[in-house]
Protein backbone atom coordinates (compact mmCIF):
# COMPACT_ATOMS: atom_id res chain seq x y z
CA MET A 1 93.91 80.04 7.30
CA LYS A 2 91.62 81.45 10.01
CA ILE A 3 90.98 77.98 11.39
CA HIS A 4 94.69 77.46 12.07
CA LEU A 5 95.27 80.89 13.61
CA VAL A 6 92.70 80.55 16.38
CA PRO A 7 94.25 77.44 18.02
CA ALA A 8 97.72 78.91 17.57
CA ALA A 9 96.67 82.16 19.23
CA ALA A 10 95.00 80.26 22.08
CA GLY A 11 98.16 78.21 22.60
CA LEU A 12 100.28 81.37 22.66
CA VAL A 13 98.02 82.94 25.29
CA LEU A 14 98.30 79.80 27.45
CA LEU A 15 102.08 79.72 27.16
CA THR A 16 102.32 83.41 28.01
CA GLY A 17 100.20 82.83 31.13
CA VAL A 18 102.47 79.99 32.22
CA GLY A 19 105.51 82.24 31.80
CA VAL A 20 103.98 84.93 33.97
CA ALA A 21 103.06 82.43 36.68
CA THR A 22 106.58 81.06 36.70
CA ALA A 23 108.08 84.55 36.98
CA ASP A 24 106.06 85.14 40.17
CA GLN A 25 107.44 82.08 41.95
CA VAL A 26 109.98 82.66 44.66
CA ILE A 27 112.87 80.28 44.75
CA VAL A 28 114.75 79.69 47.97
CA THR A 29 117.71 77.50 47.19
CA PRO A 30 118.42 74.39 49.26
CA GLU A 31 121.58 76.08 50.54
CA GLN A 32 119.57 79.12 51.69
CA GLN A 33 117.03 76.82 53.36
CA THR A 34 119.83 75.15 55.31
CA VAL A 35 121.25 78.50 56.44
CA ILE A 36 117.76 79.78 57.32
CA ARG A 37 117.01 76.62 59.37
CA GLU A 38 120.28 77.05 61.26
CA TYR A 39 119.50 80.72 61.90
CA VAL A 40 115.98 79.93 63.12
CA ASP A 41 117.34 77.17 65.40
CA ARG A 42 119.75 79.68 66.97
CA HIS A 43 117.03 82.37 67.24
CA PRO A 44 113.89 80.49 68.28
CA LEU A 45 110.53 82.24 68.41
CA ALA A 46 107.37 81.27 70.21
CA SER A 47 104.91 79.60 67.87
CA ILE A 48 101.67 81.45 67.21
CA SER A 49 98.31 80.34 65.86
CA LEU A 50 96.59 82.18 63.04
CA LEU A 51 92.93 81.32 62.86
CA GLY A 52 91.57 81.50 59.34
CA VAL A 53 94.99 81.75 57.67
CA GLU A 54 96.16 78.79 55.63
CA LEU A 55 99.91 78.26 55.48
CA ASN A 56 100.07 78.23 51.71
CA ILE A 57 102.50 80.01 49.45
CA GLY A 58 100.83 83.24 48.40
CA SER A 59 98.58 83.53 51.47
CA SER A 60 98.80 86.81 53.34
CA VAL A 61 99.90 87.17 56.93
CA PRO A 62 97.83 89.73 58.92
CA GLU A 63 99.37 93.11 59.76
CA THR A 64 99.07 92.24 63.46
CA VAL A 65 101.69 89.50 63.12
CA GLU A 66 105.23 90.62 63.96
CA LEU A 67 107.71 89.53 61.31
CA HIS A 68 111.29 88.92 62.42
CA PRO A 69 114.36 89.63 60.29
CA ILE A 70 116.61 86.85 59.08
CA GLU A 71 120.17 88.07 59.26
CA VAL A 72 121.42 85.86 56.45
CA PRO A 73 123.14 87.22 53.32
CA ASP A 74 120.99 87.34 50.18
CA VAL A 75 117.75 86.63 52.07
CA GLN A 76 115.31 89.53 52.02
CA TYR A 77 112.46 87.78 53.77
CA ARG A 78 111.23 87.87 57.35
CA TYR A 79 110.03 84.92 59.36
CA VAL A 80 107.46 83.91 61.92
CA VAL A 81 106.69 80.55 63.48
CA VAL A 82 103.08 79.45 63.01
CA ASP A 83 101.84 76.15 64.44
CA ASP A 84 105.48 75.08 64.96
CA ARG A 85 106.31 75.68 61.28
CA THR A 86 108.74 78.36 60.10
CA VAL A 87 107.09 80.65 57.59
CA LEU A 88 109.08 82.94 55.28
CA VAL A 89 107.21 86.12 54.42
CA ASP A 90 107.87 88.90 51.92
CA PRO A 91 107.79 91.99 54.18
CA GLY A 92 106.58 94.25 51.36
CA THR A 93 103.49 92.23 50.49
CA ARG A 94 103.18 90.14 53.68
CA ARG A 95 102.66 87.11 51.47
CA ILE A 96 104.04 83.70 52.43
CA VAL A 97 106.88 82.74 50.09
CA GLN A 98 107.82 79.43 51.73
CA VAL A 99 106.88 77.18 54.62
CA ILE A 100 109.84 75.31 56.08
CA ASP A 101 108.98 72.25 58.17
């Protein structure tokens, strides 16, 4: 009986970890992306360079970077343009939630 419980418990731990990782993901719907792109096109910002910061989801944007509001319903994020790419940032954590090309 013990032999069967160990693999089952290990599998349960792995599945639980996957569930937690999925819960952390931010989903910006395609419709929101379209509205955000249109907003950014109408409100262009100068592109900045961030040395040492990779534009990956989950990376942090330094406190020195000014984040700009997106006045779009149901979008709580701010944006900045880095290396000519629009970056959506969670203003509370300053973590990148999406990079829109």
